[in-house]
Amino acid sequence: METSDIKVAEKVPASRKLQADDARQLLENAQHLIAIKGKKVATFAPGKTPEQAAIDAMLGPTGNLRAPTLRVGKTLIVGFDEATLTEHLL
């Protein structure tokens, strides 16, 4: 992030486990969700009442929020795919 001159506003340590309620709260203020799992990229338009599929896409097998989770304006990006992150961050 720093090498691309992207300012990080908040970092949450991995020891703080964020779960479904935290994911739901993040989605309430988002207009778009991009959830990446492996090579699969899913997009959602969550709004004030996010669908369960959007919340499930944000969570890993342990029920915790997947990393990395980025908020870029009104867009949430969960998971890692270099091409997707480059497209939305640079």
C-alpha atoms as a PDB file:
ATOM      1  CA  MET A   1       0.000   0.000   0.000  1.00  0.00           C
ATOM      2  CA  GLU A   2       2.720   2.425   0.986  1.00  0.00           C
ATOM      3  CA  THR A   3       4.706   1.736  -2.188  1.00  0.00           C
ATOM      4  CA  SER A   4       1.670   2.747  -4.270  1.00  0.00           C
ATOM      5  CA  ASP A   5       1.173   5.912  -2.182  1.00  0.00           C
ATOM      6  CA  ILE A   6      -2.168   4.680  -0.789  1.00  0.00           C
ATOM      7  CA  LYS A   7      -3.092   6.084   2.610  1.00  0.00           C
ATOM      8  CA  VAL A   8      -4.303   3.531   5.165  1.00  0.00           C
ATOM      9  CA  ALA A   9      -6.842   5.144   7.504  1.00  0.00           C
ATOM     10  CA  GLU A  10      -7.278   2.223   9.922  1.00  0.00           C
ATOM     11  CA  LYS A  11      -5.584  -1.109  10.510  1.00  0.00           C
ATOM     12  CA  VAL A  12      -7.258  -3.828  12.579  1.00  0.00           C
ATOM     13  CA  PRO A  13      -4.921  -6.475  13.995  1.00  0.00           C
ATOM     14  CA  ALA A  14      -5.591 -10.109  13.090  1.00  0.00           C
ATOM     15  CA  SER A  15      -5.970 -10.912  16.777  1.00  0.00           C
ATOM     16  CA  ARG A  16      -9.266  -8.981  16.749  1.00  0.00           C
ATOM     17  CA  LYS A  17     -11.702 -11.474  15.244  1.00  0.00           C
ATOM     18  CA  LEU A  18     -14.458  -9.836  13.195  1.00  0.00           C
ATOM     19  CA  GLN A  19     -17.500 -11.988  12.491  1.00  0.00           C
ATOM     20  CA  ALA A  20     -20.930 -11.866  10.790  1.00  0.00           C
ATOM     21  CA  ASP A  21     -22.259  -8.931  12.827  1.00  0.00           C
ATOM     22  CA  ASP A  22     -19.159  -6.917  11.957  1.00  0.00           C
ATOM     23  CA  ALA A  23     -19.534  -7.834   8.273  1.00  0.00           C
ATOM     24  CA  ARG A  24     -23.199  -6.760   8.348  1.00  0.00           C
ATOM     25  CA  GLN A  25     -22.215  -3.433   9.910  1.00  0.00           C
ATOM     26  CA  LEU A  26     -19.569  -2.807   7.245  1.00  0.00           C
ATOM     27  CA  LEU A  27     -22.102  -3.575   4.510  1.00  0.00           C
ATOM     28  CA  GLU A  28     -24.689  -1.095   5.837  1.00  0.00           C
ATOM     29  CA  ASN A  29     -22.591   1.829   4.586  1.00  0.00           C
ATOM     30  CA  ALA A  30     -21.370   0.198   1.381  1.00  0.00           C
ATOM     31  CA  GLN A  31     -22.849   0.552  -2.083  1.00  0.00           C
ATOM     32  CA  HIS A  32     -20.723  -2.216  -3.594  1.00  0.00           C
ATOM     33  CA  LEU A  33     -19.070  -5.377  -2.301  1.00  0.00           C
ATOM     34  CA  ILE A  34     -16.408  -7.240  -4.221  1.00  0.00           C
ATOM     35  CA  ALA A  35     -15.747 -10.607  -2.569  1.00  0.00           C
ATOM     36  CA  ILE A  36     -12.795 -12.631  -3.810  1.00  0.00           C
ATOM     37  CA  LYS A  37     -12.322 -16.311  -2.967  1.00  0.00           C
ATOM     38  CA  GLY A  38      -9.528 -17.930  -4.927  1.00  0.00           C
ATOM     39  CA  LYS A  39     -10.125 -17.130  -8.592  1.00  0.00           C
ATOM     40  CA  LYS A  40     -13.835 -16.432  -8.060  1.00  0.00           C
ATOM     41  CA  VAL A  41     -14.890 -12.780  -7.850  1.00  0.00           C
ATOM     42  CA  ALA A  42     -18.466 -12.020  -6.755  1.00  0.00           C
ATOM     43  CA  THR A  43     -20.060  -8.581  -6.660  1.00  0.00           C
ATOM     44  CA  PHE A  44     -23.007  -7.412  -4.593  1.00  0.00           C
ATOM     45  CA  ALA A  45     -24.961  -4.174  -4.094  1.00  0.00           C
ATOM     46  CA  PRO A  46     -25.776  -4.582  -0.388  1.00  0.00           C
ATOM     47  CA  GLY A  47     -27.493  -1.353   0.724  1.00  0.00           C
ATOM     48  CA  LYS A  48     -29.191  -1.038   4.124  1.00  0.00           C
ATOM     49  CA  THR A  49     -30.394  -4.654   4.291  1.00  0.00           C
ATOM     50  CA  PRO A  50     -27.580  -6.833   2.945  1.00  0.00           C
ATOM     51  CA  GLU A  51     -28.475 -10.299   1.727  1.00  0.00           C
ATOM     52  CA  GLN A  52     -27.073 -13.300   3.571  1.00  0.00           C
ATOM     53  CA  ALA A  53     -25.079 -14.350   0.489  1.00  0.00           C
ATOM     54  CA  ALA A  54     -23.078 -11.093   0.676  1.00  0.00           C
ATOM     55  CA  ILE A  55     -22.305 -11.661   4.351  1.00  0.00           C
ATOM     56  CA  ASP A  56     -21.356 -15.292   3.702  1.00  0.00           C
ATOM     57  CA  ALA A  57     -19.014 -14.186   0.891  1.00  0.00           C
ATOM     58  CA  MET A  58     -17.135 -12.001   3.380  1.00  0.00           C
ATOM     59  CA  LEU A  59     -16.561 -14.780   5.903  1.00  0.00           C
ATOM     60  CA  GLY A  60     -14.002 -17.558   5.874  1.00  0.00           C
ATOM     61  CA  PRO A  61     -14.524 -21.177   6.963  1.00  0.00           C
ATOM     62  CA  THR A  62     -14.020 -20.249  10.637  1.00  0.00           C
ATOM     63  CA  GLY A  63     -16.781 -17.635  10.491  1.00  0.00           C
ATOM     64  CA  ASN A  64     -14.347 -14.724  10.735  1.00  0.00           C
ATOM     65  CA  LEU A  65     -14.063 -11.838   8.291  1.00  0.00           C
ATOM     66  CA  ARG A  66     -11.636 -12.732   5.520  1.00  0.00           C
ATOM     67  CA  ALA A  67      -8.465 -10.761   4.936  1.00  0.00           C
ATOM     68  CA  PRO A  68      -7.658  -8.407   3.514  1.00  0.00           C
ATOM     69  CA  THR A  69     -10.790  -6.323   3.873  1.00  0.00           C
ATOM     70  CA  LEU A  70     -10.567  -2.878   2.332  1.00  0.00           C
ATOM     71  CA  ARG A  71     -13.015   0.007   2.264  1.00  0.00           C
ATOM     72  CA  VAL A  72     -12.425   2.284  -0.701  1.00  0.00           C
ATOM     73  CA  GLY A  73     -15.032   5.033  -0.594  1.00  0.00           C
ATOM     74  CA  LYS A  74     -18.389   3.213  -0.684  1.00  0.00           C
ATOM     75  CA  THR A  75     -16.866  -0.030  -2.005  1.00  0.00           C
ATOM     76  CA  LEU A  76     -15.779  -2.976   0.158  1.00  0.00           C
ATOM     77  CA  ILE A  77     -13.203  -5.395  -1.193  1.00  0.00           C
ATOM     78  CA  VAL A  78     -12.773  -8.669   0.697  1.00  0.00           C
ATOM     79  CA  GLY A  79     -10.090 -11.167  -0.256  1.00  0.00           C
ATOM     80  CA  PHE A  80      -7.052 -10.966  -2.469  1.00  0.00           C
ATOM     81  CA  ASP A  81      -6.718 -10.883  -6.234  1.00  0.00           C
ATOM     82  CA  GLU A  82      -3.918  -8.700  -7.550  1.00  0.00           C
ATOM     83  CA  ALA A  83      -5.739  -7.654 -10.729  1.00  0.00           C
ATOM     84  CA  THR A  84      -8.940  -6.704  -8.860  1.00  0.00           C
ATOM     85  CA  LEU A  85      -7.069  -4.745  -6.198  1.00  0.00           C
ATOM     86  CA  THR A  86      -4.971  -2.952  -8.808  1.00  0.00           C
ATOM     87  CA  GLU A  87      -8.105  -2.023 -10.765  1.00  0.00           C
ATOM     88  CA  HIS A  88      -9.846  -0.512  -7.734  1.00  0.00           C
ATOM     89  CA  LEU A  89      -6.917   0.990  -5.857  1.00  0.00           C
ATOM     90  CA  LEU A  90      -4.679   2.473  -8.546  1.00  0.00           C
END
